[in-house]
């Protein structure tokens, strides 16, 4: 087994970052594979449960690693800054109020990959909602996520050309 404490932090960082990129790439390839090879499973409740489970697991691991408070909107926004979205994407977190904040992804890597692979867009409506719902509920069970905008919906002028998706995160 690798003796991680003996390795320099910058090397660990570089290796882990590449591992994260690999996982992100394989996730997209997995989705395309399931869609093509098992279309009867693609888009089912069972399929999207995997997305929610991923979000829950990520949140639980961040809670364990970081130990931040988890009760207020500011707390949820703080955890979001350590999420895979913050690593892979350019995200914009709206100013939290007592009950909600908006999360936007700007120039999404999945949308860029979809165009590169000849697709018009990557459909993140259901999967994106499930991952985010699991993630935020893994931090605070009262959290709720609503989809404001995802492709292929036409963008409103106030979103600008680089906004790929937008979500409302709230506490009930």
Protein backbone atom coordinates (compact mmCIF):
# COMPACT_ATOMS: atom_id res chain seq x y z
CA UNK A 1 0.00 0.00 0.00
CA UNK A 2 1.17 3.50 -0.77
CA UNK A 3 2.73 5.30 2.22
CA UNK A 4 0.73 8.52 1.79
CA UNK A 5 2.18 10.41 4.81
CA UNK A 6 5.67 10.03 3.29
CA UNK A 7 4.68 11.69 0.00
CA UNK A 8 4.97 15.45 -0.49
CA UNK A 9 1.65 17.29 -0.37
CA UNK A 10 2.04 18.80 -3.85
CA UNK A 11 2.54 15.30 -5.31
CA UNK A 12 -0.51 13.96 -3.46
CA UNK A 13 -2.53 16.94 -4.71
CA UNK A 14 -1.45 16.40 -8.33
CA UNK A 15 -2.19 12.66 -8.19
CA UNK A 16 -5.58 13.10 -6.51
CA UNK A 17 -6.60 15.80 -8.98
CA UNK A 18 -5.82 13.48 -11.88
CA UNK A 19 -7.76 10.69 -10.17
CA UNK A 20 -10.75 13.00 -9.83
CA UNK A 21 -10.57 13.94 -13.53
CA UNK A 22 -10.46 10.24 -14.41
CA UNK A 23 -13.53 9.51 -12.29
CA UNK A 24 -15.43 12.39 -13.88
CA UNK A 25 -14.55 11.17 -17.38
CA UNK A 26 -15.52 7.57 -16.59
CA UNK A 27 -18.84 8.74 -15.12
CA UNK A 28 -19.76 10.37 -18.44
CA UNK A 29 -18.63 7.31 -20.38
CA UNK A 30 -20.68 5.12 -18.03
CA UNK A 31 -23.81 7.14 -18.76
CA UNK A 32 -23.35 6.84 -22.52
CA UNK A 33 -22.64 3.11 -22.17
CA UNK A 34 -25.83 2.47 -20.16
CA UNK A 35 -27.87 4.57 -22.57
CA UNK A 36 -26.61 2.55 -25.55
CA UNK A 37 -26.25 -0.96 -24.08
CA UNK A 38 -29.05 -1.05 -21.52
CA UNK A 39 -31.63 1.49 -22.70
CA UNK A 40 -34.30 -0.28 -20.63
CA UNK A 41 -32.40 0.80 -17.49
CA UNK A 42 -31.37 4.27 -18.62
CA UNK A 43 -33.47 6.94 -16.96
CA UNK A 44 -35.27 4.60 -14.56
CA UNK A 45 -35.82 5.34 -10.90
CA UNK A 46 -33.12 2.78 -10.08
CA UNK A 47 -30.70 4.50 -12.46
CA UNK A 48 -31.25 7.93 -10.89
CA UNK A 49 -30.99 6.48 -7.39
CA UNK A 50 -27.29 5.95 -8.15
CA UNK A 51 -26.96 9.69 -8.72
CA UNK A 52 -28.63 10.48 -5.41
CA UNK A 53 -26.46 7.92 -3.62
CA UNK A 54 -23.36 9.53 -5.12
CA UNK A 55 -24.42 12.94 -3.80
CA UNK A 56 -25.20 11.54 -0.35
CA UNK A 57 -21.87 9.74 -0.15
CA UNK A 58 -19.90 12.80 -1.24
CA UNK A 59 -21.65 14.95 1.36
CA UNK A 60 -21.18 12.47 4.19
CA UNK A 61 -17.48 12.18 3.43
CA UNK A 62 -17.09 15.98 3.32
CA UNK A 63 -18.98 16.34 6.62
CA UNK A 64 -16.66 13.76 8.17
CA UNK A 65 -13.51 15.37 6.72
CA UNK A 66 -14.36 19.03 7.31
CA UNK A 67 -16.65 19.00 10.35
CA UNK A 68 -18.27 22.35 9.55
CA UNK A 69 -21.65 23.27 11.07
CA UNK A 70 -24.60 22.05 8.95
CA UNK A 71 -27.62 24.01 10.08
CA UNK A 72 -27.80 27.21 8.02
CA UNK A 73 -27.71 28.14 4.34
CA UNK A 74 -24.22 29.57 4.76
CA UNK A 75 -23.12 26.15 6.00
CA UNK A 76 -24.48 24.40 2.90
CA UNK A 77 -22.76 26.97 0.67
CA UNK A 78 -19.49 26.39 2.53
CA UNK A 79 -19.62 22.62 1.90
CA UNK A 80 -20.46 23.29 -1.76
CA UNK A 81 -17.13 25.11 -2.08
CA UNK A 82 -15.38 21.76 -1.36
CA UNK A 83 -17.59 19.61 -3.62
CA UNK A 84 -16.81 18.00 -6.95
CA UNK A 85 -18.65 20.90 -8.59
CA UNK A 86 -16.10 23.32 -7.16
CA UNK A 87 -13.28 21.08 -8.40
CA UNK A 88 -14.50 20.43 -11.95
CA UNK A 89 -16.73 23.39 -12.69
CA UNK A 90 -16.87 27.11 -12.51
CA UNK A 91 -19.78 27.49 -10.11
CA UNK A 92 -21.45 30.62 -8.90
CA UNK A 93 -23.09 30.57 -5.48
CA UNK A 94 -25.65 33.31 -5.01
CA UNK A 95 -25.67 35.25 -1.76
CA UNK A 96 -27.34 32.97 0.79
CA UNK A 97 -30.45 34.25 2.54
CA UNK A 98 -31.84 32.70 5.72
CA UNK A 99 -33.75 30.14 3.63
CA UNK A 100 -32.07 29.69 0.21
CA UNK A 101 -29.35 30.40 -2.33
CA UNK A 102 -28.95 29.86 -6.06
CA UNK A 103 -26.26 27.68 -7.58
CA UNK A 104 -25.18 28.20 -11.17
CA UNK A 105 -22.74 26.21 -13.27
CA UNK A 106 -20.91 28.35 -15.81
CA UNK A 107 -19.60 26.80 -19.04
CA UNK A 108 -20.21 23.24 -17.79
CA UNK A 109 -17.60 20.60 -18.58
CA UNK A 110 -20.31 17.99 -19.29
CA UNK A 111 -21.92 20.33 -21.83
CA UNK A 112 -18.54 20.94 -23.48
CA UNK A 113 -17.89 17.18 -23.59
CA UNK A 114 -21.33 16.52 -25.09
CA UNK A 115 -20.66 19.01 -27.90
CA UNK A 116 -17.21 17.47 -28.44
CA UNK A 117 -18.88 14.04 -28.80
CA UNK A 118 -21.36 15.42 -31.35
CA UNK A 119 -24.35 15.79 -29.02
CA UNK A 120 -26.40 18.98 -28.85
CA UNK A 121 -26.35 18.95 -25.05
CA UNK A 122 -25.91 16.76 -21.98
CA UNK A 123 -29.27 16.16 -20.33
CA UNK A 124 -28.65 16.87 -16.64
CA UNK A 125 -32.24 17.58 -15.62
CA UNK A 126 -32.99 14.45 -13.60
CA UNK A 127 -29.49 13.27 -12.77
CA UNK A 128 -28.35 16.76 -11.82
CA UNK A 129 -31.34 17.17 -9.54
CA UNK A 130 -30.77 13.79 -7.89
CA UNK A 131 -27.05 14.35 -7.26
CA UNK A 132 -27.66 17.82 -5.81
CA UNK A 133 -30.61 16.64 -3.72
CA UNK A 134 -28.56 13.81 -2.27
CA UNK A 135 -25.58 16.09 -1.67
CA UNK A 136 -27.44 18.79 0.21
CA UNK A 137 -29.63 16.34 2.17
CA UNK A 138 -26.43 14.54 3.17
CA UNK A 139 -25.39 17.77 4.85
CA UNK A 140 -28.78 18.77 6.23
CA UNK A 141 -31.87 16.54 6.02
CA UNK A 142 -34.09 19.63 5.62
CA UNK A 143 -32.37 20.66 2.37
CA UNK A 144 -34.36 20.79 -0.85
CA UNK A 145 -33.16 21.46 -4.41
CA UNK A 146 -35.27 22.81 -7.25
CA UNK A 147 -34.23 22.97 -10.88
CA UNK A 148 -34.46 26.51 -12.25
CA UNK A 149 -32.85 25.93 -15.64
CA UNK A 150 -31.05 23.09 -17.46
CA UNK A 151 -30.42 22.28 -21.11
CA UNK A 152 -32.18 22.00 -23.48
CA UNK A 153 -34.32 24.85 -22.14
CA UNK A 154 -33.85 28.19 -23.84
CA UNK A 155 -31.83 30.56 -21.69
CA UNK A 156 -33.24 33.84 -20.50
CA UNK A 157 -31.28 36.98 -21.27
CA UNK A 158 -30.44 37.58 -17.58
CA UNK A 159 -28.52 34.29 -17.41
CA UNK A 160 -25.93 35.21 -20.00
CA UNK A 161 -24.30 32.90 -22.54
CA UNK A 162 -22.10 30.93 -20.13
CA UNK A 163 -24.73 29.79 -17.60
CA UNK A 164 -25.23 26.08 -18.21
CA UNK A 165 -27.68 25.32 -15.40
CA UNK A 166 -29.19 26.93 -12.34
CA UNK A 167 -30.62 25.45 -9.13
CA UNK A 168 -32.34 26.78 -6.01
CA UNK A 169 -31.14 25.25 -2.74
CA UNK A 170 -33.34 25.83 0.31
CA UNK A 171 -34.05 24.59 3.81
CA UNK A 172 -37.59 23.54 4.71
